[in-house]
Amino acid sequence: MEDILVSVIVPVYNVENYLRQCLDSITGQSLKNIEIICVDDSSTDGSKRILEEYAEKDERVKVITQPNKGAGAARNNGLSAAKGKYLSFLDSDDFFEPDMLELAFNKAEEDRADFVVFKSDQYYTEENRYVEVPWTLREKELPPYTPFSHRQMTDNIFKVFVGWAWDKLYNREFVLKNHLLFQEQRTSNDLLFVFSAVAIAKRISVVKKVLAHQRRDAKDSLSKTRENSWHCFYDALTALRNRMISEGLYREVEKDYINYALHFSLWNIRTLAEPTKSMLIKKMKTEWFDDLGISDKNEEYFYNKKEYKEFKSL
């Protein structure tokens, strides 16, 4: 049998309404020599039945079932079963252009890349409408050539790409060699994996074409989960800092890291509902802003003055 070119890892949890569109967009990829590892996180709807139906008609589809532990654990589970040269971590309510894997794979091969990033947009289900999202890949901050490393980026290295895994294709050897894993927590579970890769990679490449569509107004989205897992973003940020320290990179990326930590903290505060929001603000002011290295910095230190003012007004 030919070597598998890409292992596509899909965590699945109660997405029966969107799962067929996602799976059709993967099984229909122009790059045929792939395996599709679907990790069912103990769904209670019809998702498991749909997965089995696809596995029956397409031998490339493999189904793993795990106790309900969240997407981070599901991705790690899929990663440990993967045999492909490259890894794609896709979300089960999103869907993809038919040449996504082929274009990303060809670019990765051409540049011998540690990972490749491509563009995405947002899809609003109710209105059947696509919306451009330029901030998911900030082209202006990239050098005019590929491949490159974080040292050639001209802005905060943690804001040039977004800290999610599904708009990227990773070289599996790079992932294994650097022991990159997803955090097994409810939310912000891919930040550590993605941003560690950004800082460690020597060869990053991009495909400047929209290849993935992120579903936005799915009724059963993560925001409800975040009320219960409001500390996960902080756990992700501290784990990232520890990783940078252990790689000997922290002093080099410290200013970018602290700026990003403020940005992400404020986003979490802004998007939480009460009473969780007030609880988080109190925790940030009494402990976490200090611990993240934000409190003792003056306005000059921050790239975004508006965020600094917002922080001061809390």
Protein backbone atom coordinates (compact mmCIF):
# COMPACT_ATOMS: atom_id res chain seq x y z
CA MET A 1 0.00 0.00 0.00
CA GLU A 2 1.14 3.55 -0.76
CA ASP A 3 2.26 5.72 2.13
CA ILE A 4 -0.52 7.89 3.54
CA LEU A 5 0.14 11.53 2.66
CA VAL A 6 -2.17 13.21 5.19
CA SER A 7 -3.92 12.03 8.34
CA VAL A 8 -7.04 14.11 8.86
CA ILE A 9 -8.07 14.12 12.53
CA VAL A 10 -11.65 15.15 13.33
CA PRO A 11 -12.94 15.42 16.92
CA VAL A 12 -16.69 14.78 16.89
CA TYR A 13 -19.19 15.67 19.59
CA ASN A 14 -22.95 16.05 18.99
CA VAL A 15 -22.74 17.61 15.53
CA GLU A 16 -25.25 15.46 13.62
CA ASN A 17 -26.68 18.52 11.80
CA TYR A 18 -23.35 19.50 10.24
CA LEU A 19 -21.31 16.29 10.23
CA ARG A 20 -22.27 15.07 6.74
CA GLN A 21 -21.26 18.36 5.11
CA CYS A 22 -17.92 18.21 6.95
CA LEU A 23 -17.24 14.56 6.05
CA ASP A 24 -18.32 15.03 2.42
CA SER A 25 -15.85 17.91 2.13
CA ILE A 26 -13.05 15.66 3.44
CA THR A 27 -13.86 12.44 1.55
CA GLY A 28 -14.26 14.56 -1.60
CA GLN A 29 -10.76 16.08 -1.37
CA SER A 30 -8.75 16.07 -4.61
CA LEU A 31 -5.85 14.57 -2.61
CA LYS A 32 -7.03 10.95 -2.38
CA ASN A 33 -4.25 9.24 -0.45
CA ILE A 34 -5.40 10.25 3.01
CA GLU A 35 -6.76 8.66 6.17
CA ILE A 36 -9.64 10.25 8.04
CA ILE A 37 -9.52 9.57 11.78
CA CYS A 38 -12.80 10.56 13.43
CA VAL A 39 -12.66 10.60 17.23
CA ASP A 40 -16.14 10.42 18.71
CA ASP A 41 -16.06 12.12 22.13
CA SER A 42 -19.04 10.06 23.42
CA SER A 43 -21.69 11.90 21.37
CA THR A 44 -25.23 11.47 22.63
CA ASP A 45 -26.94 12.39 19.32
CA GLY A 46 -26.77 10.59 15.95
CA SER A 47 -23.14 11.56 15.23
CA LYS A 48 -21.70 8.09 15.94
CA ARG A 49 -24.20 6.45 13.57
CA ILE A 50 -23.24 8.89 10.79
CA LEU A 51 -19.52 8.16 11.36
CA GLU A 52 -20.11 4.40 11.11
CA GLU A 53 -22.08 4.89 7.90
CA TYR A 54 -19.16 6.81 6.34
CA ALA A 55 -16.62 4.26 7.60
CA GLU A 56 -18.63 1.51 5.94
CA LYS A 57 -18.61 3.13 2.50
CA ASP A 58 -15.08 4.63 2.57
CA GLU A 59 -12.21 2.52 3.88
CA ARG A 60 -10.14 5.67 4.55
CA VAL A 61 -12.52 6.63 7.38
CA LYS A 62 -11.62 5.22 10.81
CA VAL A 63 -13.72 5.75 13.92
CA ILE A 64 -12.28 5.89 17.44
CA THR A 65 -14.56 6.34 20.47
CA GLN A 66 -13.37 7.89 23.71
CA PRO A 67 -14.98 8.87 27.03
CA ASN A 68 -16.16 12.49 26.94
CA LYS A 69 -12.95 14.49 27.49
CA GLY A 70 -13.21 17.31 24.95
CA ALA A 71 -11.60 18.18 21.62
CA GLY A 72 -8.03 18.48 22.97
CA ALA A 73 -8.03 14.88 24.19
CA ALA A 74 -9.75 13.76 20.97
CA ARG A 75 -7.05 15.37 18.81
CA ASN A 76 -4.28 13.77 20.88
CA ASN A 77 -6.04 10.42 20.56
CA GLY A 78 -6.23 10.83 16.77
CA LEU A 79 -2.61 12.00 16.65
CA SER A 80 -1.39 8.84 18.38
CA ALA A 81 -3.17 6.70 15.74
CA ALA A 82 -2.05 8.79 12.72
CA LYS A 83 0.31 7.38 10.08
CA GLY A 84 0.36 10.19 7.50
CA LYS A 85 3.35 12.30 6.53
CA TYR A 86 1.27 15.39 7.43
CA LEU A 87 -1.48 16.07 9.94
CA SER A 88 -4.67 18.04 9.45
CA PHE A 89 -6.87 18.78 12.50
CA LEU A 90 -10.33 19.68 11.27
CA ASP A 91 -13.42 20.65 13.25
CA SER A 92 -16.59 18.66 12.64
CA ASP A 93 -18.94 21.61 12.13
CA ASP A 94 -16.70 23.30 9.53
CA PHE A 95 -16.20 22.39 5.87
CA PHE A 96 -13.47 22.77 3.30
CA GLU A 97 -12.63 23.55 -0.30
CA PRO A 98 -12.07 20.34 -2.32
CA ASP A 99 -8.41 21.19 -3.06
CA MET A 100 -7.51 22.27 0.50
CA LEU A 101 -5.30 19.29 1.36
CA GLU A 102 -3.73 19.09 -2.10
CA LEU A 103 -2.68 22.75 -2.16
CA ALA A 104 -1.41 22.70 1.44
CA PHE A 105 0.39 19.38 0.88
CA ASN A 106 2.08 20.58 -2.32
CA LYS A 107 3.24 23.78 -0.60
CA ALA A 108 4.55 21.83 2.39
CA GLU A 109 6.51 19.49 0.10
CA GLU A 110 7.86 22.32 -2.05
CA ASP A 111 9.10 24.28 1.00
CA ARG A 112 9.91 21.28 3.24
CA ALA A 113 7.72 23.16 5.73
CA ASP A 114 7.19 22.34 9.39
CA PHE A 115 3.66 23.60 8.85
CA VAL A 116 1.56 25.46 6.27
CA VAL A 117 -1.18 28.02 7.03
CA PHE A 118 -4.03 28.82 4.64
CA LYS A 119 -6.81 31.40 4.63
CA SER A 120 -10.33 30.81 5.90
CA ASP A 121 -13.63 32.63 6.02
CA GLN A 122 -16.78 32.42 8.13
CA TYR A 123 -20.01 30.77 7.08
CA TYR A 124 -23.29 31.89 8.65
CA THR A 125 -25.58 28.86 8.55
CA GLU A 126 -28.94 30.60 9.01
CA GLU A 127 -28.29 33.12 6.23
CA ASN A 128 -26.21 30.83 3.99
CA ARG A 129 -23.65 33.63 3.76
CA TYR A 130 -19.85 33.73 3.61
CA VAL A 131 -17.92 36.56 5.31
CA GLU A 132 -14.28 37.46 4.64
CA VAL A 133 -11.98 37.27 7.69
CA PRO A 134 -8.65 38.93 6.84
CA TRP A 135 -7.28 38.76 10.41
CA THR A 136 -6.92 34.97 10.39
CA LEU A 137 -3.79 35.34 8.25
CA ARG A 138 -2.16 38.77 8.51
CA GLU A 139 -0.34 38.81 5.20
CA LYS A 140 1.20 42.27 5.74
CA GLU A 141 3.25 40.89 8.65
CA LEU A 142 4.84 38.12 6.57
CA PRO A 143 8.02 38.27 4.49
CA PRO A 144 7.62 38.24 0.67
CA TYR A 145 9.03 34.70 0.48
CA THR A 146 8.45 31.23 1.94
CA PRO A 147 9.47 29.41 4.01
CA PHE A 148 10.21 31.69 6.98
CA SER A 149 10.37 31.49 10.79
CA HIS A 150 8.80 33.71 13.46
CA ARG A 151 11.91 35.91 13.33
CA GLN A 152 10.90 37.20 9.90
CA MET A 153 7.40 38.24 11.04
CA THR A 154 7.02 41.99 11.51
CA ASP A 155 4.32 42.03 14.19
CA ASN A 156 3.44 40.14 17.37
CA ILE A 157 4.21 36.53 16.44
CA PHE A 158 1.18 35.34 18.44
CA LYS A 159 -1.20 37.48 16.37
CA VAL A 160 -0.04 36.83 12.81
CA PHE A 161 -2.04 33.56 12.76
CA VAL A 162 -4.93 32.53 15.00
CA GLY A 163 -4.33 29.99 17.79
CA TRP A 164 -6.53 27.30 16.27
CA ALA A 165 -5.27 24.23 14.42
CA TRP A 166 -7.78 23.66 11.62
CA ASP A 167 -6.39 26.20 9.10
CA LYS A 168 -2.93 24.60 9.15
CA LEU A 169 -1.22 21.45 7.88
CA TYR A 170 1.55 20.07 10.12
CA ASN A 171 4.50 17.85 9.30
CA ARG A 172 3.95 14.85 11.59
CA GLU A 173 7.68 14.34 12.18
CA PHE A 174 7.98 17.98 13.34
CA VAL A 175 5.03 17.48 15.74
CA LEU A 176 6.41 14.23 17.19
CA LYS A 177 10.01 15.46 17.44
CA ASN A 178 8.89 18.52 19.42
CA HIS A 179 6.35 16.60 21.53
CA LEU A 180 3.54 18.96 20.54
CA LEU A 181 0.25 17.99 22.16
CA PHE A 182 -3.12 19.61 22.72
CA GLN A 183 -4.10 20.57 26.25
CA GLU A 184 -6.79 18.27 27.56
CA GLN A 185 -9.11 21.00 28.78
CA ARG A 186 -12.56 22.16 27.69
CA THR A 187 -11.65 25.40 25.88
CA SER A 188 -8.50 27.13 24.54
CA ASN A 189 -7.11 23.61 24.12
CA ASP A 190 -5.26 24.29 20.85
CA LEU A 191 -3.46 27.54 21.78
CA LEU A 192 -0.44 25.77 23.34
CA PHE A 193 0.00 23.44 20.35
CA VAL A 194 -0.38 26.13 17.69
CA PHE A 195 1.70 28.92 19.26
CA SER A 196 4.46 26.56 20.40
CA ALA A 197 4.71 25.43 16.78
CA VAL A 198 4.86 29.06 15.58
CA ALA A 199 7.77 29.85 17.93
CA ILE A 200 9.68 26.59 17.38
CA ALA A 201 9.26 26.09 13.61
CA LYS A 202 12.18 26.92 11.34
CA ARG A 203 10.14 26.61 8.14
CA ILE A 204 6.62 28.07 8.02
CA SER A 205 4.76 28.42 4.74
CA VAL A 206 1.42 29.84 3.58
CA VAL A 207 -1.21 29.35 0.90
CA LYS A 208 -2.90 32.71 0.34
CA LYS A 209 -6.23 31.27 -0.67
CA VAL A 210 -9.46 30.65 1.30
CA LEU A 211 -9.57 26.88 1.77
CA ALA A 212 -11.66 26.45 4.94
CA HIS A 213 -15.10 27.69 5.99
CA GLN A 214 -15.70 28.13 9.72
CA ARG A 215 -19.34 27.74 10.71
CA ARG A 216 -20.29 30.65 12.94
CA ASP A 217 -23.84 30.66 14.25
CA ALA A 218 -24.19 27.00 15.11
CA LYS A 219 -26.70 26.93 17.96
CA ASP A 220 -24.72 24.45 20.07
CA SER A 221 -21.46 26.36 20.12
CA LEU A 222 -18.68 26.54 22.69
CA SER A 223 -19.68 29.81 24.35
CA LYS A 224 -21.90 28.00 26.89
CA THR A 225 -18.99 25.75 27.79
CA ARG A 226 -16.80 28.79 28.44
CA GLU A 227 -19.00 29.90 31.35
CA ASN A 228 -17.91 26.70 33.14
CA SER A 229 -14.31 26.69 31.91
CA TRP A 230 -13.51 30.39 32.26
CA HIS A 231 -9.99 29.68 33.60
CA CYS A 232 -8.89 27.56 30.60
CA PHE A 233 -7.47 30.53 28.68
CA TYR A 234 -5.22 31.38 31.64
CA ASP A 235 -4.06 27.76 31.91
CA ALA A 236 -3.25 27.87 28.18
CA LEU A 237 -1.28 31.12 28.50
CA THR A 238 0.78 29.87 31.45
CA ALA A 239 1.48 26.56 29.69
CA LEU A 240 2.67 28.51 26.62
CA ARG A 241 4.98 30.63 28.76
CA ASN A 242 6.42 27.51 30.42
CA ARG A 243 7.01 25.99 27.00
CA MET A 244 8.80 29.12 25.76
CA ILE A 245 10.99 29.11 28.88
CA SER A 246 11.87 25.43 28.41
CA GLU A 247 12.75 26.08 24.74
CA GLY A 248 15.03 28.98 25.78
CA LEU A 249 12.83 31.33 23.72
CA TYR A 250 11.00 33.30 26.39
CA ARG A 251 13.34 36.29 26.60
CA GLU A 252 13.15 36.71 22.85
CA VAL A 253 9.34 36.49 22.63
CA GLU A 254 8.47 37.99 26.05
CA LYS A 255 7.12 41.32 24.80
CA ASP A 256 4.96 39.63 22.15
CA TYR A 257 3.78 37.11 24.74
CA ILE A 258 2.77 39.74 27.35
CA ASN A 259 0.99 41.81 24.69
CA TYR A 260 -0.86 38.72 23.49
CA ALA A 261 -1.69 37.70 27.09
CA LEU A 262 -3.35 41.10 27.63
CA HIS A 263 -5.23 40.86 24.31
CA PHE A 264 -6.53 37.36 25.04
CA SER A 265 -7.41 38.15 28.67
CA LEU A 266 -9.48 41.17 27.60
CA TRP A 267 -11.23 39.13 24.91
CA ASN A 268 -12.18 36.52 27.52
CA ILE A 269 -13.47 39.20 29.90
CA ARG A 270 -15.47 40.89 27.13
CA THR A 271 -17.13 37.72 25.89
CA LEU A 272 -18.19 36.14 29.19
CA ALA A 273 -21.65 36.60 30.69
CA GLU A 274 -22.34 37.53 34.31
CA PRO A 275 -21.74 36.40 37.02
CA THR A 276 -18.67 34.65 35.56
CA LYS A 277 -17.41 37.91 34.03
CA SER A 278 -17.15 39.72 37.40
CA MET A 279 -15.52 36.68 38.97
CA LEU A 280 -12.89 36.64 36.20
CA ILE A 281 -12.20 40.41 36.48
CA LYS A 282 -11.62 40.02 40.23
CA LYS A 283 -9.25 37.09 39.65
CA MET A 284 -7.35 38.99 36.95
CA LYS A 285 -6.92 42.10 39.11
CA THR A 286 -5.88 40.27 42.27
CA GLU A 287 -3.65 37.59 40.72
CA TRP A 288 -3.50 36.86 37.03
CA PHE A 289 -2.51 40.22 35.51
CA ASP A 290 0.47 40.13 37.90
CA ASP A 291 1.35 36.56 37.13
CA LEU A 292 1.18 37.11 33.34
CA GLY A 293 3.64 40.00 33.64
CA ILE A 294 1.10 42.63 32.57
CA SER A 295 0.62 44.73 35.76
CA ASP A 296 4.09 46.21 36.09
CA LYS A 297 4.40 47.37 32.46
CA ASN A 298 3.71 50.96 31.41
CA GLU A 299 1.69 52.16 28.42
CA GLU A 300 4.78 52.32 26.17
CA TYR A 301 5.27 48.56 26.49
CA PHE A 302 1.96 47.76 24.79
CA TYR A 303 1.46 47.73 21.03
CA ASN A 304 -2.26 48.42 21.33
CA LYS A 305 -2.89 51.55 23.44
CA LYS A 306 -6.66 50.99 23.40
CA GLU A 307 -6.19 47.61 25.07
CA TYR A 308 -3.90 49.18 27.67
CA LYS A 309 -6.59 51.79 28.50
CA GLU A 310 -9.24 49.06 28.71
CA PHE A 311 -7.01 47.13 31.12
CA LYS A 312 -6.48 50.24 33.27
CA SER A 313 -10.20 50.97 33.43
CA LEU A 314 -11.20 47.56 34.78
